[in-house]
């Protein structure tokens, strides 16, 4: 019976980690959708120019470098560039992004350096991030001619249904009498996430 509890605990821990990762992916996708819309509005003239004249070699090289970042690195960069865009477009804005205690000091330093970019360089960076967002999240694209987002409500409902189904399956797998105490659940979860 002890071996069975260990297996259940391991299964619970792995499924919890998987569920946490799915939640993170959903949050990243939701953020990416907002970022895409804001960058598209901010970059409308540049995007039109690129569509008619093509992309410069310099921009292509920069975009290739962004494609090499892992998802977490890119999401952090996209968040920082988006935050800087919001800072620049706000009335009476601060001179740089404020320090966030939940970020590493180097990330805070990099966020503050974004304020030193001249407008043209910041637009280039924003454009590069925009195109990488489009590449990584092709289902979030908007129709530039209509100016409206693609209706993905069916996909969102499918994700919600899948998540609810997964949670129901987890509930059926772990019976209340077989669950380890909360302290053991946390410890086994922590071991698998480290």
N, C-alpha and C. Protein backbone atom coordinates (compact mmCIF):
# COMPACT_ATOMS: atom_id res chain seq x y z
N UNK A 1 0.82 -1.19 0.00
CA UNK A 1 0.00 0.00 0.00
C UNK A 1 0.86 1.26 0.00
N UNK A 2 2.01 1.20 0.68
CA UNK A 2 2.90 2.35 0.73
C UNK A 2 3.40 2.70 -0.67
N UNK A 3 3.73 1.69 -1.47
CA UNK A 3 4.19 1.91 -2.84
C UNK A 3 3.10 2.59 -3.66
N UNK A 4 1.85 2.20 -3.46
CA UNK A 4 0.74 2.80 -4.18
C UNK A 4 0.61 4.28 -3.85
N UNK A 5 0.79 4.66 -2.59
CA UNK A 5 0.73 6.07 -2.20
C UNK A 5 1.84 6.86 -2.88
N UNK A 6 3.02 6.28 -2.94
CA UNK A 6 4.14 6.95 -3.58
C UNK A 6 3.83 7.19 -5.05
N UNK A 7 3.26 6.20 -5.72
CA UNK A 7 2.90 6.34 -7.13
C UNK A 7 1.84 7.41 -7.30
N UNK A 8 0.85 7.42 -6.42
CA UNK A 8 -0.21 8.42 -6.50
C UNK A 8 0.38 9.81 -6.28
N UNK A 9 1.25 9.93 -5.30
CA UNK A 9 1.88 11.22 -5.00
C UNK A 9 2.70 11.70 -6.18
N UNK A 10 3.46 10.79 -6.80
CA UNK A 10 4.27 11.15 -7.96
C UNK A 10 3.37 11.57 -9.12
N UNK A 11 2.30 10.80 -9.36
CA UNK A 11 1.37 11.13 -10.43
C UNK A 11 0.73 12.48 -10.17
N UNK A 12 0.30 12.70 -8.93
CA UNK A 12 -0.30 13.97 -8.56
C UNK A 12 0.68 15.11 -8.79
N UNK A 13 1.92 14.92 -8.39
CA UNK A 13 2.94 15.96 -8.53
C UNK A 13 3.21 16.28 -9.99
N UNK A 14 3.34 15.25 -10.81
CA UNK A 14 3.61 15.46 -12.23
C UNK A 14 2.43 16.15 -12.89
N UNK A 15 1.21 15.69 -12.58
CA UNK A 15 0.03 16.32 -13.15
C UNK A 15 -0.12 17.76 -12.68
N UNK A 16 0.22 18.03 -11.43
CA UNK A 16 0.15 19.40 -10.92
C UNK A 16 1.14 20.28 -11.66
N UNK A 17 2.33 19.78 -11.88
CA UNK A 17 3.34 20.55 -12.61
C UNK A 17 2.88 20.79 -14.05
N UNK A 18 2.28 19.77 -14.66
CA UNK A 18 1.78 19.90 -16.02
C UNK A 18 0.65 20.93 -16.07
N UNK A 19 -0.23 20.88 -15.10
CA UNK A 19 -1.33 21.84 -15.03
C UNK A 19 -0.80 23.25 -14.85
N UNK A 20 0.22 23.41 -14.02
CA UNK A 20 0.83 24.72 -13.78
C UNK A 20 1.46 25.24 -15.07
N UNK A 21 2.10 24.34 -15.83
CA UNK A 21 2.72 24.73 -17.09
C UNK A 21 1.64 25.16 -18.08
N UNK A 22 0.51 24.43 -18.14
CA UNK A 22 -0.58 24.80 -19.04
C UNK A 22 -1.14 26.17 -18.67
N UNK A 23 -1.28 26.43 -17.37
CA UNK A 23 -1.77 27.73 -16.91
C UNK A 23 -0.81 28.82 -17.34
N UNK A 24 0.49 28.58 -17.21
CA UNK A 24 1.50 29.55 -17.63
C UNK A 24 1.40 29.81 -19.13
N UNK A 25 1.21 28.76 -19.93
CA UNK A 25 1.09 28.91 -21.38
C UNK A 25 -0.14 29.74 -21.74
N UNK A 26 -1.25 29.50 -21.05
CA UNK A 26 -2.47 30.26 -21.31
C UNK A 26 -2.25 31.72 -20.96
N UNK A 27 -1.55 31.98 -19.86
CA UNK A 27 -1.26 33.36 -19.46
C UNK A 27 -0.34 34.04 -20.48
N UNK A 28 0.66 33.31 -20.96
CA UNK A 28 1.56 33.87 -21.97
C UNK A 28 0.79 34.21 -23.24
N UNK A 29 -0.10 33.32 -23.64
CA UNK A 29 -0.87 33.54 -24.86
C UNK A 29 -1.80 34.74 -24.70
N UNK A 30 -2.41 34.87 -23.55
CA UNK A 30 -3.29 36.03 -23.31
C UNK A 30 -2.49 37.33 -23.35
N UNK A 31 -1.31 37.32 -22.76
CA UNK A 31 -0.44 38.50 -22.80
C UNK A 31 -0.02 38.79 -24.23
N UNK A 32 0.35 37.75 -24.95
CA UNK A 32 0.80 37.92 -26.34
C UNK A 32 -0.28 38.57 -27.19
N UNK A 33 -1.52 38.21 -26.95
CA UNK A 33 -2.64 38.78 -27.72
C UNK A 33 -2.72 40.29 -27.48
N UNK A 34 -2.61 40.70 -26.23
CA UNK A 34 -2.64 42.13 -25.90
C UNK A 34 -1.44 42.83 -26.53
N UNK A 35 -0.26 42.23 -26.41
CA UNK A 35 0.95 42.83 -26.97
C UNK A 35 0.82 43.01 -28.48
N UNK A 36 0.34 41.97 -29.16
CA UNK A 36 0.18 42.05 -30.62
C UNK A 36 -0.72 43.21 -31.00
N UNK A 37 -1.84 43.35 -30.32
CA UNK A 37 -2.78 44.43 -30.64
C UNK A 37 -2.14 45.80 -30.42
N UNK A 38 -1.46 45.99 -29.31
CA UNK A 38 -0.84 47.28 -29.01
C UNK A 38 0.30 47.59 -29.98
N UNK A 39 1.14 46.59 -30.26
CA UNK A 39 2.25 46.82 -31.19
C UNK A 39 1.71 47.11 -32.59
N UNK A 40 0.65 46.42 -32.98
CA UNK A 40 0.09 46.64 -34.31
C UNK A 40 -0.42 48.08 -34.45
N UNK A 41 -1.05 48.58 -33.42
CA UNK A 41 -1.53 49.97 -33.43
C UNK A 41 -0.35 50.94 -33.48
N UNK A 42 0.63 50.72 -32.63
CA UNK A 42 1.81 51.59 -32.54
C UNK A 42 2.62 51.58 -33.83
N UNK A 43 2.70 50.44 -34.48
CA UNK A 43 3.58 50.27 -35.64
C UNK A 43 2.85 50.33 -36.98
N UNK A 44 1.62 50.79 -37.02
CA UNK A 44 0.82 50.71 -38.24
C UNK A 44 1.53 51.26 -39.47
N UNK A 45 2.18 52.42 -39.37
CA UNK A 45 2.85 53.00 -40.54
C UNK A 45 4.09 52.18 -40.94
N UNK A 46 4.82 51.68 -39.96
CA UNK A 46 6.01 50.87 -40.25
C UNK A 46 5.62 49.54 -40.88
N UNK A 47 4.55 48.94 -40.37
CA UNK A 47 4.09 47.66 -40.92
C UNK A 47 3.63 47.83 -42.36
N UNK A 48 2.96 48.94 -42.65
CA UNK A 48 2.53 49.22 -44.02
C UNK A 48 3.74 49.41 -44.94
N UNK A 49 4.74 50.12 -44.45
CA UNK A 49 5.96 50.35 -45.23
C UNK A 49 6.68 49.02 -45.50
N UNK A 50 6.79 48.17 -44.47
CA UNK A 50 7.44 46.87 -44.64
C UNK A 50 6.67 46.00 -45.63
N UNK A 51 5.35 46.10 -45.61
CA UNK A 51 4.53 45.30 -46.52
C UNK A 51 4.75 45.71 -47.97
N UNK A 52 4.96 47.00 -48.20
CA UNK A 52 5.16 47.46 -49.58
C UNK A 52 6.61 47.38 -50.05
N UNK A 53 7.56 47.67 -49.15
CA UNK A 53 8.97 47.73 -49.55
C UNK A 53 9.79 46.51 -49.16
N UNK A 54 9.28 45.70 -48.27
CA UNK A 54 10.04 44.56 -47.78
C UNK A 54 10.82 44.91 -46.52
N UNK A 55 11.45 43.90 -45.96
CA UNK A 55 12.18 44.05 -44.70
C UNK A 55 13.68 44.18 -45.00
N UNK A 56 14.34 45.08 -44.29
CA UNK A 56 15.78 45.27 -44.49
C UNK A 56 16.55 44.06 -43.95
N UNK A 57 17.78 43.91 -44.41
CA UNK A 57 18.64 42.82 -43.97
C UNK A 57 18.90 42.93 -42.47
N UNK A 58 19.09 44.15 -42.00
CA UNK A 58 19.35 44.38 -40.57
C UNK A 58 18.18 43.87 -39.73
N UNK A 59 16.96 44.20 -40.15
CA UNK A 59 15.77 43.76 -39.41
C UNK A 59 15.65 42.23 -39.46
N UNK A 60 15.92 41.64 -40.60
CA UNK A 60 15.84 40.18 -40.72
C UNK A 60 16.82 39.49 -39.78
N UNK A 61 18.03 40.03 -39.69
CA UNK A 61 19.05 39.46 -38.80
C UNK A 61 18.61 39.57 -37.35
N UNK A 62 18.09 40.73 -36.98
CA UNK A 62 17.63 40.93 -35.59
C UNK A 62 16.49 39.97 -35.27
N UNK A 63 15.59 39.77 -36.22
CA UNK A 63 14.45 38.87 -35.98
C UNK A 63 14.89 37.42 -35.86
N UNK A 64 15.92 37.05 -36.60
CA UNK A 64 16.45 35.69 -36.46
C UNK A 64 17.01 35.47 -35.06
N UNK A 65 17.66 36.49 -34.52
CA UNK A 65 18.20 36.37 -33.16
C UNK A 65 17.08 36.19 -32.14
N UNK A 66 15.98 36.90 -32.32
CA UNK A 66 14.85 36.75 -31.39
C UNK A 66 14.26 35.35 -31.45
N UNK A 67 14.30 34.75 -32.62
CA UNK A 67 13.72 33.41 -32.76
C UNK A 67 14.52 32.36 -32.01
N UNK A 68 15.75 32.69 -31.64
CA UNK A 68 16.60 31.74 -30.89
C UNK A 68 16.34 31.77 -29.38
N UNK A 69 15.62 32.77 -28.91
CA UNK A 69 15.32 32.85 -27.48
C UNK A 69 14.31 31.76 -27.11
N UNK A 70 14.46 31.20 -25.91
CA UNK A 70 13.45 30.24 -25.47
C UNK A 70 12.18 31.01 -25.12
N UNK A 71 11.09 30.29 -24.87
CA UNK A 71 9.80 30.95 -24.64
C UNK A 71 9.82 31.90 -23.45
N UNK A 72 10.45 31.49 -22.36
CA UNK A 72 10.49 32.35 -21.17
C UNK A 72 11.28 33.63 -21.46
N UNK A 73 12.45 33.49 -22.08
CA UNK A 73 13.27 34.66 -22.39
C UNK A 73 12.52 35.63 -23.31
N UNK A 74 11.89 35.06 -24.34
CA UNK A 74 11.18 35.93 -25.27
C UNK A 74 9.99 36.59 -24.60
N UNK A 75 9.26 35.83 -23.79
CA UNK A 75 8.09 36.42 -23.13
C UNK A 75 8.50 37.57 -22.21
N UNK A 76 9.61 37.40 -21.50
CA UNK A 76 10.10 38.48 -20.63
C UNK A 76 10.48 39.71 -21.46
N UNK A 77 11.16 39.49 -22.59
CA UNK A 77 11.53 40.61 -23.45
C UNK A 77 10.28 41.30 -23.99
N UNK A 78 9.33 40.52 -24.49
CA UNK A 78 8.09 41.09 -25.03
C UNK A 78 7.36 41.90 -23.97
N UNK A 79 7.32 41.38 -22.75
CA UNK A 79 6.68 42.09 -21.64
C UNK A 79 7.38 43.41 -21.37
N UNK A 80 8.70 43.38 -21.34
CA UNK A 80 9.46 44.59 -21.05
C UNK A 80 9.30 45.64 -22.15
N UNK A 81 9.32 45.21 -23.41
CA UNK A 81 9.15 46.16 -24.52
C UNK A 81 7.73 46.72 -24.50
N UNK A 82 6.75 45.87 -24.23
CA UNK A 82 5.36 46.33 -24.12
C UNK A 82 5.23 47.35 -22.98
N UNK A 83 5.80 47.04 -21.82
CA UNK A 83 5.73 47.97 -20.69
C UNK A 83 6.37 49.31 -21.04
N UNK A 84 7.48 49.26 -21.77
CA UNK A 84 8.15 50.50 -22.19
C UNK A 84 7.27 51.27 -23.18
N UNK A 85 6.60 50.56 -24.08
CA UNK A 85 5.68 51.21 -25.01
C UNK A 85 4.56 51.92 -24.24
N UNK A 86 4.01 51.24 -23.25
CA UNK A 86 2.94 51.84 -22.44
C UNK A 86 3.48 53.06 -21.68
N UNK A 87 4.70 52.98 -21.20
CA UNK A 87 5.30 54.11 -20.49
C UNK A 87 5.47 55.30 -21.43
N UNK A 88 5.97 55.04 -22.64
CA UNK A 88 6.22 56.12 -23.60
C UNK A 88 4.93 56.77 -24.09
N UNK A 89 3.87 56.01 -24.19
CA UNK A 89 2.63 56.56 -24.73
C UNK A 89 1.72 57.16 -23.65
N UNK A 90 2.05 56.95 -22.39
CA UNK A 90 1.24 57.51 -21.29
C UNK A 90 1.52 58.99 -21.13
N UNK A 91 0.47 59.73 -20.78
CA UNK A 91 0.66 61.16 -20.52
C UNK A 91 1.40 61.34 -19.21
N UNK A 92 2.32 62.29 -19.18
CA UNK A 92 3.07 62.57 -17.96
C UNK A 92 3.84 61.37 -17.46
N UNK A 93 4.43 60.63 -18.39
CA UNK A 93 5.13 59.39 -18.03
C UNK A 93 6.42 59.64 -17.27
N UNK A 94 6.83 58.62 -16.55
CA UNK A 94 8.11 58.65 -15.84
C UNK A 94 9.25 58.62 -16.86
N UNK A 95 10.46 58.85 -16.38
CA UNK A 95 11.60 58.86 -17.30
C UNK A 95 12.09 57.45 -17.63
N UNK A 96 11.69 56.45 -16.85
CA UNK A 96 12.02 55.05 -17.15
C UNK A 96 11.08 54.15 -16.36
N UNK A 97 11.09 52.86 -16.71
CA UNK A 97 10.22 51.91 -16.02
C UNK A 97 10.65 51.75 -14.57
N UNK A 98 9.70 51.69 -13.65
CA UNK A 98 10.05 51.53 -12.24
C UNK A 98 10.62 50.14 -11.96
N UNK A 99 11.42 50.06 -10.91
CA UNK A 99 11.99 48.78 -10.47
C UNK A 99 10.86 47.91 -9.92
N UNK A 100 10.90 46.64 -10.28
CA UNK A 100 9.94 45.67 -9.73
C UNK A 100 10.70 44.70 -8.85
N UNK A 101 10.26 44.59 -7.62
CA UNK A 101 10.94 43.73 -6.64
C UNK A 101 10.93 42.26 -7.04
N UNK A 102 9.91 41.84 -7.82
CA UNK A 102 9.81 40.44 -8.22
C UNK A 102 10.68 40.10 -9.42
N UNK A 103 11.41 41.07 -9.97
CA UNK A 103 12.31 40.83 -11.09
C UNK A 103 13.76 40.81 -10.61
N UNK A 104 14.59 40.08 -11.32
CA UNK A 104 16.02 40.04 -11.04
C UNK A 104 16.59 41.44 -11.28
N UNK A 105 17.60 41.84 -10.51
CA UNK A 105 18.19 43.18 -10.70
C UNK A 105 18.66 43.46 -12.13
N UNK A 106 19.21 42.45 -12.79
CA UNK A 106 19.67 42.67 -14.18
C UNK A 106 18.49 42.94 -15.12
N UNK A 107 17.37 42.27 -14.87
CA UNK A 107 16.20 42.52 -15.71
C UNK A 107 15.70 43.94 -15.46
N UNK A 108 15.65 44.36 -14.23
CA UNK A 108 15.24 45.74 -13.92
C UNK A 108 16.16 46.74 -14.60
N UNK A 109 17.45 46.45 -14.60
CA UNK A 109 18.42 47.33 -15.24
C UNK A 109 18.17 47.40 -16.75
N UNK A 110 17.91 46.24 -17.36
CA UNK A 110 17.64 46.20 -18.80
C UNK A 110 16.34 46.95 -19.13
N UNK A 111 15.34 46.81 -18.27
CA UNK A 111 14.07 47.52 -18.48
C UNK A 111 14.30 49.03 -18.45
N UNK A 112 15.16 49.49 -17.55
CA UNK A 112 15.43 50.92 -17.47
C UNK A 112 16.23 51.41 -18.68
N UNK A 113 17.08 50.55 -19.23
CA UNK A 113 17.87 50.93 -20.40
C UNK A 113 16.99 51.11 -21.64
N UNK A 114 15.83 50.48 -21.66
CA UNK A 114 14.92 50.66 -22.80
C UNK A 114 14.55 52.14 -22.97
N UNK A 115 14.50 52.86 -21.88
CA UNK A 115 14.15 54.29 -21.94
C UNK A 115 15.21 55.11 -22.66
N UNK A 116 16.43 54.60 -22.75
CA UNK A 116 17.51 55.35 -23.40
C UNK A 116 17.51 55.18 -24.92
N UNK A 117 16.72 54.25 -25.44
CA UNK A 117 16.66 54.06 -26.89
C UNK A 117 15.96 55.24 -27.55
N UNK A 118 16.55 55.73 -28.63
CA UNK A 118 15.88 56.79 -29.38
C UNK A 118 14.64 56.18 -30.04
N UNK A 119 13.72 57.03 -30.43
CA UNK A 119 12.42 56.57 -30.95
C UNK A 119 12.55 55.58 -32.10
N UNK A 120 13.45 55.87 -33.05
CA UNK A 120 13.57 54.98 -34.21
C UNK A 120 14.08 53.60 -33.81
N UNK A 121 15.02 53.55 -32.89
CA UNK A 121 15.56 52.26 -32.43
C UNK A 121 14.50 51.49 -31.63
N UNK A 122 13.73 52.21 -30.83
CA UNK A 122 12.67 51.55 -30.07
C UNK A 122 11.60 51.01 -31.02
N UNK A 123 11.27 51.76 -32.08
CA UNK A 123 10.30 51.27 -33.07
C UNK A 123 10.82 50.01 -33.75
N UNK A 124 12.12 50.00 -34.07
CA UNK A 124 12.71 48.80 -34.69
C UNK A 124 12.59 47.60 -33.75
N UNK A 125 12.94 47.80 -32.49
CA UNK A 125 12.84 46.71 -31.51
C UNK A 125 11.39 46.25 -31.36
N UNK A 126 10.48 47.20 -31.29
CA UNK A 126 9.06 46.86 -31.17
C UNK A 126 8.58 46.07 -32.38
N UNK A 127 9.04 46.47 -33.55
CA UNK A 127 8.68 45.77 -34.78
C UNK A 127 9.21 44.34 -34.77
N UNK A 128 10.44 44.18 -34.33
CA UNK A 128 11.03 42.84 -34.26
C UNK A 128 10.26 41.95 -33.28
N UNK A 129 9.92 42.51 -32.13
CA UNK A 129 9.15 41.75 -31.14
C UNK A 129 7.77 41.41 -31.70
N UNK A 130 7.15 42.37 -32.38
CA UNK A 130 5.84 42.14 -32.99
C UNK A 130 5.89 40.95 -33.96
N UNK A 131 6.88 40.95 -34.84
CA UNK A 131 6.98 39.87 -35.83
C UNK A 131 7.27 38.52 -35.18
N UNK A 132 8.05 38.52 -34.11
CA UNK A 132 8.32 37.27 -33.40
C UNK A 132 7.07 36.79 -32.67
N UNK A 133 6.28 37.70 -32.14
CA UNK A 133 5.00 37.31 -31.53
C UNK A 133 4.10 36.67 -32.58
N UNK A 134 4.06 37.27 -33.77
CA UNK A 134 3.25 36.70 -34.86
C UNK A 134 3.73 35.30 -35.21
N UNK A 135 5.04 35.11 -35.21
CA UNK A 135 5.58 33.80 -35.57
C UNK A 135 5.26 32.76 -34.50
N UNK A 136 5.39 33.14 -33.23
CA UNK A 136 5.17 32.19 -32.14
C UNK A 136 3.70 31.94 -31.84
N UNK A 137 2.86 32.90 -32.14
CA UNK A 137 1.42 32.78 -31.85
C UNK A 137 0.61 33.07 -33.11
N UNK A 138 0.70 32.21 -34.12
CA UNK A 138 0.03 32.49 -35.39
C UNK A 138 -1.50 32.55 -35.28
N UNK A 139 -2.07 31.90 -34.29
CA UNK A 139 -3.52 31.91 -34.16
C UNK A 139 -4.05 33.21 -33.58
N UNK A 140 -3.17 34.06 -33.08
CA UNK A 140 -3.60 35.32 -32.49
C UNK A 140 -3.56 36.48 -33.47
N UNK A 141 -3.21 36.19 -34.70
CA UNK A 141 -3.07 37.25 -35.69
C UNK A 141 -4.38 37.98 -35.90
N UNK A 142 -4.27 39.26 -36.19
CA UNK A 142 -5.45 40.04 -36.52
C UNK A 142 -5.46 40.31 -38.00
N UNK A 143 -6.63 40.55 -38.52
CA UNK A 143 -6.80 40.88 -39.93
C UNK A 143 -6.58 42.38 -40.09
N UNK A 144 -5.43 42.81 -40.68
CA UNK A 144 -5.13 44.23 -40.76
C UNK A 144 -6.16 45.01 -41.59
N UNK A 145 -6.77 44.39 -42.60
CA UNK A 145 -7.74 45.11 -43.42
C UNK A 145 -9.04 45.36 -42.67
N UNK A 146 -9.44 44.40 -41.84
CA UNK A 146 -10.69 44.56 -41.08
C UNK A 146 -10.44 45.27 -39.77
N UNK A 147 -9.22 45.18 -39.26
CA UNK A 147 -8.90 45.80 -37.98
C UNK A 147 -9.52 45.09 -36.79
N UNK A 148 -9.99 43.88 -37.02
CA UNK A 148 -10.62 43.12 -35.93
C UNK A 148 -9.86 41.83 -35.70
N UNK A 149 -9.89 41.37 -34.49
CA UNK A 149 -9.19 40.13 -34.15
C UNK A 149 -9.94 38.94 -34.71
N UNK A 150 -9.19 37.88 -35.01
CA UNK A 150 -9.79 36.64 -35.46
C UNK A 150 -10.60 36.06 -34.31
N UNK A 151 -11.80 35.57 -34.59
CA UNK A 151 -12.65 35.01 -33.54
C UNK A 151 -12.13 33.63 -33.17
N UNK A 152 -11.58 33.54 -31.97
CA UNK A 152 -11.06 32.27 -31.50
C UNK A 152 -11.82 31.78 -30.28
N UNK A 153 -13.08 32.20 -30.15
CA UNK A 153 -13.87 31.82 -28.99
C UNK A 153 -14.08 30.31 -28.93
N UNK A 154 -14.20 29.65 -30.10
CA UNK A 154 -14.34 28.19 -30.09
C UNK A 154 -13.08 27.53 -29.56
N UNK A 155 -11.91 28.05 -29.93
CA UNK A 155 -10.65 27.50 -29.44
C UNK A 155 -10.50 27.73 -27.94
N UNK A 156 -10.89 28.91 -27.47
CA UNK A 156 -10.83 29.19 -26.04
C UNK A 156 -11.74 28.25 -25.27
N UNK A 157 -12.93 27.99 -25.82
CA UNK A 157 -13.86 27.07 -25.17
C UNK A 157 -13.27 25.67 -25.15
N UNK A 158 -12.59 25.26 -26.22
CA UNK A 158 -11.98 23.93 -26.26
C UNK A 158 -10.88 23.81 -25.21
N UNK A 159 -10.08 24.86 -25.04
CA UNK A 159 -9.03 24.85 -24.01
C UNK A 159 -9.65 24.75 -22.63
N UNK A 160 -10.72 25.52 -22.41
CA UNK A 160 -11.42 25.48 -21.12
C UNK A 160 -11.99 24.09 -20.86
N UNK A 161 -12.62 23.51 -21.90
CA UNK A 161 -13.19 22.16 -21.75
C UNK A 161 -12.10 21.14 -21.45
N UNK A 162 -10.96 21.24 -22.15
CA UNK A 162 -9.85 20.32 -21.91
C UNK A 162 -9.33 20.45 -20.49
N UNK A 163 -9.21 21.67 -20.01
CA UNK A 163 -8.71 21.92 -18.66
C UNK A 163 -9.68 21.37 -17.63
N UNK A 164 -10.98 21.58 -17.84
CA UNK A 164 -11.98 21.04 -16.91
C UNK A 164 -11.96 19.52 -16.93
N UNK A 165 -11.79 18.92 -18.09
CA UNK A 165 -11.72 17.47 -18.20
C UNK A 165 -10.49 16.94 -17.46
N UNK A 166 -9.37 17.62 -17.61
CA UNK A 166 -8.14 17.21 -16.92
C UNK A 166 -8.33 17.29 -15.42
N UNK A 167 -8.94 18.37 -14.94
CA UNK A 167 -9.17 18.52 -13.51
C UNK A 167 -10.10 17.43 -12.99
N UNK A 168 -11.12 17.07 -13.77
CA UNK A 168 -12.04 16.00 -13.37
C UNK A 168 -11.29 14.67 -13.30
N UNK A 169 -10.43 14.43 -14.28
CA UNK A 169 -9.64 13.19 -14.27
C UNK A 169 -8.74 13.14 -13.05
N UNK A 170 -8.13 14.26 -12.71
CA UNK A 170 -7.27 14.30 -11.52
C UNK A 170 -8.08 14.00 -10.27
N UNK A 171 -9.28 14.54 -10.20
CA UNK A 171 -10.13 14.28 -9.05
C UNK A 171 -10.51 12.82 -8.93
N UNK A 172 -10.69 12.14 -10.05
CA UNK A 172 -11.04 10.72 -10.03
C UNK A 172 -9.84 9.84 -9.71
N UNK A 173 -8.64 10.32 -10.04
CA UNK A 173 -7.44 9.52 -9.80
C UNK A 173 -7.05 9.51 -8.33
N UNK A 174 -7.26 10.61 -7.64
CA UNK A 174 -6.82 10.72 -6.26
C UNK A 174 -8.05 10.71 -5.37
N UNK A 175 -8.22 9.64 -4.62
CA UNK A 175 -9.33 9.53 -3.68
C UNK A 175 -8.93 10.22 -2.39
N UNK A 176 -9.88 10.85 -1.70
CA UNK A 176 -9.53 11.58 -0.48
C UNK A 176 -8.77 10.74 0.54
N UNK A 177 -9.09 9.45 0.68
CA UNK A 177 -8.40 8.63 1.68
C UNK A 177 -6.98 8.30 1.25
N UNK A 178 -6.69 8.36 -0.05
CA UNK A 178 -5.36 8.04 -0.55
C UNK A 178 -4.45 9.27 -0.64
N UNK A 179 -5.02 10.46 -0.50
CA UNK A 179 -4.21 11.66 -0.63
C UNK A 179 -3.24 11.77 0.53
N UNK A 180 -1.99 12.11 0.24
CA UNK A 180 -1.05 12.36 1.33
C UNK A 180 -1.41 13.68 2.00
N UNK A 181 -0.96 13.89 3.21
CA UNK A 181 -1.22 15.17 3.88
C UNK A 181 -0.71 16.33 3.03
N UNK A 182 -1.28 17.49 3.24
CA UNK A 182 -0.94 18.66 2.44
C UNK A 182 0.56 18.95 2.43
N UNK A 183 1.24 18.74 3.56
CA UNK A 183 2.68 19.01 3.61
C UNK A 183 3.45 18.09 2.69
N UNK A 184 3.01 16.84 2.57
CA UNK A 184 3.69 15.91 1.66
C UNK A 184 3.41 16.27 0.21
N UNK A 185 2.19 16.74 -0.08
CA UNK A 185 1.87 17.14 -1.44
C UNK A 185 2.76 18.30 -1.86
N UNK A 186 2.91 19.26 -1.00
CA UNK A 186 3.75 20.41 -1.32
C UNK A 186 5.19 19.99 -1.52
N UNK A 187 5.70 19.13 -0.64
CA UNK A 187 7.09 18.70 -0.76
C UNK A 187 7.32 17.92 -2.04
N UNK A 188 6.42 17.00 -2.38
CA UNK A 188 6.63 16.22 -3.59
C UNK A 188 6.49 17.11 -4.82
N UNK A 189 5.59 18.09 -4.76
CA UNK A 189 5.44 19.02 -5.87
C UNK A 189 6.71 19.85 -6.02
N UNK A 190 7.22 20.33 -4.90
CA UNK A 190 8.43 21.15 -4.92
C UNK A 190 9.60 20.37 -5.50
N UNK A 191 9.73 19.10 -5.14
CA UNK A 191 10.84 18.30 -5.66
C UNK A 191 10.78 18.19 -7.17
N UNK A 192 9.57 18.05 -7.72
CA UNK A 192 9.45 17.88 -9.17
C UNK A 192 9.58 19.18 -9.93
N UNK A 193 9.34 20.30 -9.28
CA UNK A 193 9.43 21.56 -10.01
C UNK A 193 10.81 22.17 -9.94
N UNK A 194 11.68 21.68 -9.06
CA UNK A 194 13.02 22.25 -8.95
C UNK A 194 13.95 21.71 -9.96
